[in-house]
Amino acid sequence: MKRLVVVLTVLASFTLSCSSFFKETLNLKQVVAKKEEMDGADNPAYKFLAARELAQKRVRIENAIVKDVIVSGNIDYEFCVLVSVPYEKGAVDCYIYSRDLKTVSGLLKGKTEIDAVGDFGRFFTLLDDAYTKVEILNARITVLKEK
């Protein structure tokens, strides 16, 4: 009986620690569609639950040109990679935060094409030309090519 309890405890802790490996991955178009759905809703409780659901997902950005690398405004990261992805209602600016400083330091503004996968952080807007802005945390950045 004691062995069963120990095995179940180890199994449960392993499952909880690996939960980030089992997150559903959405592409950026799906994430922005969810934002539009949230914006169209009148119920603030629905908006809250939809945002919390998105926080449990991963976001994939493919074939994006690095717009800039800036000092991070997020206290958990040193730098932020900016990419702008075209969308039918305007550009979606993505603020990608990664702990892989070696990869981030090799990115060239306007020249490096990347793929990135990371945890959804939040939507935010500023007074500029972008349709919306998306924060992506704990990202894994893959360099595709230099222009």
C-alpha atoms as a PDB file:
ATOM      1  CA  MET A   1       0.000   0.000   0.000  1.00  0.00           C
ATOM      2  CA  LYS A   2       2.821   2.406   0.852  1.00  0.00           C
ATOM      3  CA  ARG A   3       4.479   1.680  -2.486  1.00  0.00           C
ATOM      4  CA  LEU A   4       1.268   2.532  -4.299  1.00  0.00           C
ATOM      5  CA  VAL A   5       1.028   5.875  -2.489  1.00  0.00           C
ATOM      6  CA  VAL A   6       4.650   6.679  -3.340  1.00  0.00           C
ATOM      7  CA  VAL A   7       4.180   5.724  -6.996  1.00  0.00           C
ATOM      8  CA  LEU A   8       0.991   7.794  -7.269  1.00  0.00           C
ATOM      9  CA  THR A   9       2.660  10.780  -5.610  1.00  0.00           C
ATOM     10  CA  VAL A  10       5.618  10.634  -7.992  1.00  0.00           C
ATOM     11  CA  LEU A  11       3.323  10.194 -10.978  1.00  0.00           C
ATOM     12  CA  ALA A  12       1.152  13.136  -9.938  1.00  0.00           C
ATOM     13  CA  SER A  13       4.129  15.447  -9.440  1.00  0.00           C
ATOM     14  CA  PHE A  14       5.597  14.386 -12.794  1.00  0.00           C
ATOM     15  CA  THR A  15       2.286  15.085 -14.538  1.00  0.00           C
ATOM     16  CA  LEU A  16       2.010  18.539 -12.963  1.00  0.00           C
ATOM     17  CA  SER A  17       5.598  19.460 -13.827  1.00  0.00           C
ATOM     18  CA  CYS A  18       5.131  18.395 -17.453  1.00  0.00           C
ATOM     19  CA  SER A  19       1.846  20.236 -17.967  1.00  0.00           C
ATOM     20  CA  SER A  20       3.567  22.902 -20.096  1.00  0.00           C
ATOM     21  CA  PHE A  21       4.467  20.202 -22.639  1.00  0.00           C
ATOM     22  CA  PHE A  22       0.800  19.404 -23.166  1.00  0.00           C
ATOM     23  CA  LYS A  23      -0.514  22.914 -23.829  1.00  0.00           C
ATOM     24  CA  GLU A  24      -2.536  23.419 -26.969  1.00  0.00           C
ATOM     25  CA  THR A  25      -0.738  25.527 -29.584  1.00  0.00           C
ATOM     26  CA  LEU A  26      -2.638  28.114 -31.604  1.00  0.00           C
ATOM     27  CA  ASN A  27      -1.425  30.110 -34.565  1.00  0.00           C
ATOM     28  CA  LEU A  28      -1.559  33.898 -34.387  1.00  0.00           C
ATOM     29  CA  LYS A  29      -4.650  34.095 -36.593  1.00  0.00           C
ATOM     30  CA  GLN A  30      -6.589  31.892 -34.142  1.00  0.00           C
ATOM     31  CA  VAL A  31      -5.455  34.022 -31.200  1.00  0.00           C
ATOM     32  CA  VAL A  32      -6.537  37.273 -32.874  1.00  0.00           C
ATOM     33  CA  ALA A  33      -9.876  35.681 -33.830  1.00  0.00           C
ATOM     34  CA  LYS A  34     -10.386  34.870 -30.140  1.00  0.00           C
ATOM     35  CA  LYS A  35      -9.616  38.519 -29.294  1.00  0.00           C
ATOM     36  CA  GLU A  36     -12.242  39.693 -31.769  1.00  0.00           C
ATOM     37  CA  GLU A  37     -14.728  37.297 -30.184  1.00  0.00           C
ATOM     38  CA  MET A  38     -13.857  38.687 -26.745  1.00  0.00           C
ATOM     39  CA  ASP A  39     -14.172  42.290 -27.969  1.00  0.00           C
ATOM     40  CA  GLY A  40     -17.627  41.536 -29.365  1.00  0.00           C
ATOM     41  CA  ALA A  41     -18.894  40.107 -26.079  1.00  0.00           C
ATOM     42  CA  ASP A  42     -20.812  42.293 -23.631  1.00  0.00           C
ATOM     43  CA  ASN A  43     -20.336  40.033 -20.630  1.00  0.00           C
ATOM     44  CA  PRO A  44     -17.146  40.889 -18.672  1.00  0.00           C
ATOM     45  CA  ALA A  45     -17.157  37.464 -17.007  1.00  0.00           C
ATOM     46  CA  TYR A  46     -16.965  35.818 -20.432  1.00  0.00           C
ATOM     47  CA  LYS A  47     -14.074  38.093 -21.403  1.00  0.00           C
ATOM     48  CA  PHE A  48     -12.258  37.192 -18.197  1.00  0.00           C
ATOM     49  CA  LEU A  49     -12.713  33.454 -18.707  1.00  0.00           C
ATOM     50  CA  ALA A  50     -11.699  33.670 -22.378  1.00  0.00           C
ATOM     51  CA  ALA A  51      -8.501  35.560 -21.445  1.00  0.00           C
ATOM     52  CA  ARG A  52      -7.746  33.008 -18.732  1.00  0.00           C
ATOM     53  CA  GLU A  53      -8.291  30.195 -21.233  1.00  0.00           C
ATOM     54  CA  LEU A  54      -5.875  31.834 -23.682  1.00  0.00           C
ATOM     55  CA  ALA A  55      -3.294  32.093 -20.902  1.00  0.00           C
ATOM     56  CA  GLN A  56      -3.254  28.283 -20.871  1.00  0.00           C
ATOM     57  CA  LYS A  57      -2.329  28.116 -24.574  1.00  0.00           C
ATOM     58  CA  ARG A  58       0.840  28.468 -26.580  1.00  0.00           C
ATOM     59  CA  VAL A  59       1.131  30.764 -29.600  1.00  0.00           C
ATOM     60  CA  ARG A  60       3.032  29.928 -32.787  1.00  0.00           C
ATOM     61  CA  ILE A  61       4.384  32.656 -35.065  1.00  0.00           C
ATOM     62  CA  GLU A  62       5.829  31.544 -38.377  1.00  0.00           C
ATOM     63  CA  ASN A  63       8.048  33.268 -40.944  1.00  0.00           C
ATOM     64  CA  ALA A  64       8.176  36.661 -39.229  1.00  0.00           C
ATOM     65  CA  ILE A  65      10.845  39.265 -39.919  1.00  0.00           C
ATOM     66  CA  VAL A  66      12.423  40.780 -36.802  1.00  0.00           C
ATOM     67  CA  LYS A  67      11.240  44.366 -36.522  1.00  0.00           C
ATOM     68  CA  ASP A  68      13.489  45.232 -33.581  1.00  0.00           C
ATOM     69  CA  VAL A  69      15.177  43.926 -30.443  1.00  0.00           C
ATOM     70  CA  ILE A  70      14.616  46.206 -27.468  1.00  0.00           C
ATOM     71  CA  VAL A  71      15.308  46.283 -23.766  1.00  0.00           C
ATOM     72  CA  SER A  72      12.446  44.496 -22.058  1.00  0.00           C
ATOM     73  CA  GLY A  73       9.684  46.264 -20.185  1.00  0.00           C
ATOM     74  CA  ASN A  74       8.883  42.949 -18.497  1.00  0.00           C
ATOM     75  CA  ILE A  75      10.957  42.554 -15.330  1.00  0.00           C
ATOM     76  CA  ASP A  76      11.344  38.800 -15.871  1.00  0.00           C
ATOM     77  CA  TYR A  77      13.241  39.192 -19.160  1.00  0.00           C
ATOM     78  CA  GLU A  78      16.251  41.191 -20.328  1.00  0.00           C
ATOM     79  CA  PHE A  79      15.225  41.801 -23.954  1.00  0.00           C
ATOM     80  CA  CYS A  80      12.178  41.680 -26.192  1.00  0.00           C
ATOM     81  CA  VAL A  81      11.984  40.713 -29.862  1.00  0.00           C
ATOM     82  CA  LEU A  82       9.410  42.666 -31.868  1.00  0.00           C
ATOM     83  CA  VAL A  83       7.815  41.255 -34.991  1.00  0.00           C
ATOM     84  CA  SER A  84       4.899  42.579 -36.991  1.00  0.00           C
ATOM     85  CA  VAL A  85       2.603  40.044 -38.632  1.00  0.00           C
ATOM     86  CA  PRO A  86       0.100  41.167 -41.295  1.00  0.00           C
ATOM     87  CA  TYR A  87      -3.554  40.532 -40.512  1.00  0.00           C
ATOM     88  CA  GLU A  88      -6.656  41.395 -42.520  1.00  0.00           C
ATOM     89  CA  LYS A  89      -7.593  44.296 -40.173  1.00  0.00           C
ATOM     90  CA  GLY A  90      -4.042  45.599 -39.762  1.00  0.00           C
ATOM     91  CA  ALA A  91      -0.688  44.524 -38.439  1.00  0.00           C
ATOM     92  CA  VAL A  92      -0.411  42.505 -35.251  1.00  0.00           C
ATOM     93  CA  ASP A  93       2.697  43.447 -33.296  1.00  0.00           C
ATOM     94  CA  CYS A  94       4.128  40.582 -31.257  1.00  0.00           C
ATOM     95  CA  TYR A  95       6.339  41.210 -28.253  1.00  0.00           C
ATOM     96  CA  ILE A  96       8.302  37.992 -27.861  1.00  0.00           C
ATOM     97  CA  TYR A  97      10.146  37.344 -24.617  1.00  0.00           C
ATOM     98  CA  SER A  98      12.781  34.615 -24.503  1.00  0.00           C
ATOM     99  CA  ARG A  99      15.455  33.627 -22.018  1.00  0.00           C
ATOM    100  CA  ASP A 100      17.725  32.422 -24.849  1.00  0.00           C
ATOM    101  CA  LEU A 101      20.033  35.447 -24.982  1.00  0.00           C
ATOM    102  CA  LYS A 102      22.409  33.753 -27.409  1.00  0.00           C
ATOM    103  CA  THR A 103      19.688  33.481 -30.067  1.00  0.00           C
ATOM    104  CA  VAL A 104      18.263  36.936 -29.329  1.00  0.00           C
ATOM    105  CA  SER A 105      21.710  38.542 -29.586  1.00  0.00           C
ATOM    106  CA  GLY A 106      22.147  37.163 -33.115  1.00  0.00           C
ATOM    107  CA  LEU A 107      18.921  38.638 -34.509  1.00  0.00           C
ATOM    108  CA  LEU A 108      19.275  41.449 -37.044  1.00  0.00           C
ATOM    109  CA  LYS A 109      16.632  44.150 -37.309  1.00  0.00           C
ATOM    110  CA  GLY A 110      14.774  43.891 -40.621  1.00  0.00           C
ATOM    111  CA  LYS A 111      16.896  40.965 -41.837  1.00  0.00           C
ATOM    112  CA  THR A 112      16.339  37.885 -39.701  1.00  0.00           C
ATOM    113  CA  GLU A 113      13.328  35.659 -40.330  1.00  0.00           C
ATOM    114  CA  ILE A 114      12.163  33.627 -37.330  1.00  0.00           C
ATOM    115  CA  ASP A 115       9.610  31.183 -36.029  1.00  0.00           C
ATOM    116  CA  ALA A 116       8.604  31.491 -32.389  1.00  0.00           C
ATOM    117  CA  VAL A 117       6.486  29.437 -30.006  1.00  0.00           C
ATOM    118  CA  GLY A 118       5.655  30.650 -26.527  1.00  0.00           C
ATOM    119  CA  ASP A 119       3.018  31.068 -23.855  1.00  0.00           C
ATOM    120  CA  PHE A 120       0.266  33.603 -24.446  1.00  0.00           C
ATOM    121  CA  GLY A 121       0.730  36.581 -22.133  1.00  0.00           C
ATOM    122  CA  ARG A 122      -1.872  39.241 -22.911  1.00  0.00           C
ATOM    123  CA  PHE A 123      -3.318  41.587 -25.499  1.00  0.00           C
ATOM    124  CA  PHE A 124      -2.650  45.290 -25.268  1.00  0.00           C
ATOM    125  CA  THR A 125      -3.009  48.350 -27.467  1.00  0.00           C
ATOM    126  CA  LEU A 126      -1.175  51.612 -27.846  1.00  0.00           C
ATOM    127  CA  LEU A 127      -1.961  54.628 -29.961  1.00  0.00           C
ATOM    128  CA  ASP A 128      -0.239  53.568 -33.163  1.00  0.00           C
ATOM    129  CA  ASP A 129      -1.015  51.872 -36.467  1.00  0.00           C
ATOM    130  CA  ALA A 130      -1.052  48.269 -35.182  1.00  0.00           C
ATOM    131  CA  TYR A 131      -4.408  46.493 -34.947  1.00  0.00           C
ATOM    132  CA  THR A 132      -3.381  44.901 -31.664  1.00  0.00           C
ATOM    133  CA  LYS A 133      -0.327  43.789 -29.744  1.00  0.00           C
ATOM    134  CA  VAL A 134       0.270  40.334 -28.292  1.00  0.00           C
ATOM    135  CA  GLU A 135       2.722  39.443 -25.547  1.00  0.00           C
ATOM    136  CA  ILE A 136       4.358  36.015 -25.856  1.00  0.00           C
ATOM    137  CA  LEU A 137       6.330  34.677 -22.893  1.00  0.00           C
ATOM    138  CA  ASN A 138       8.849  31.850 -22.449  1.00  0.00           C
ATOM    139  CA  ALA A 139       9.348  31.749 -26.194  1.00  0.00           C
ATOM    140  CA  ARG A 140      11.529  29.391 -28.139  1.00  0.00           C
ATOM    141  CA  ILE A 141      12.878  31.298 -31.148  1.00  0.00           C
ATOM    142  CA  THR A 142      14.134  29.501 -34.241  1.00  0.00           C
ATOM    143  CA  VAL A 143      16.143  31.461 -36.806  1.00  0.00           C
ATOM    144  CA  LEU A 144      15.058  30.519 -40.313  1.00  0.00           C
ATOM    145  CA  LYS A 145      17.276  32.711 -42.475  1.00  0.00           C
ATOM    146  CA  GLU A 146      18.965  36.061 -42.921  1.00  0.00           C
ATOM    147  CA  LYS A 147      17.870  38.311 -45.783  1.00  0.00           C
END
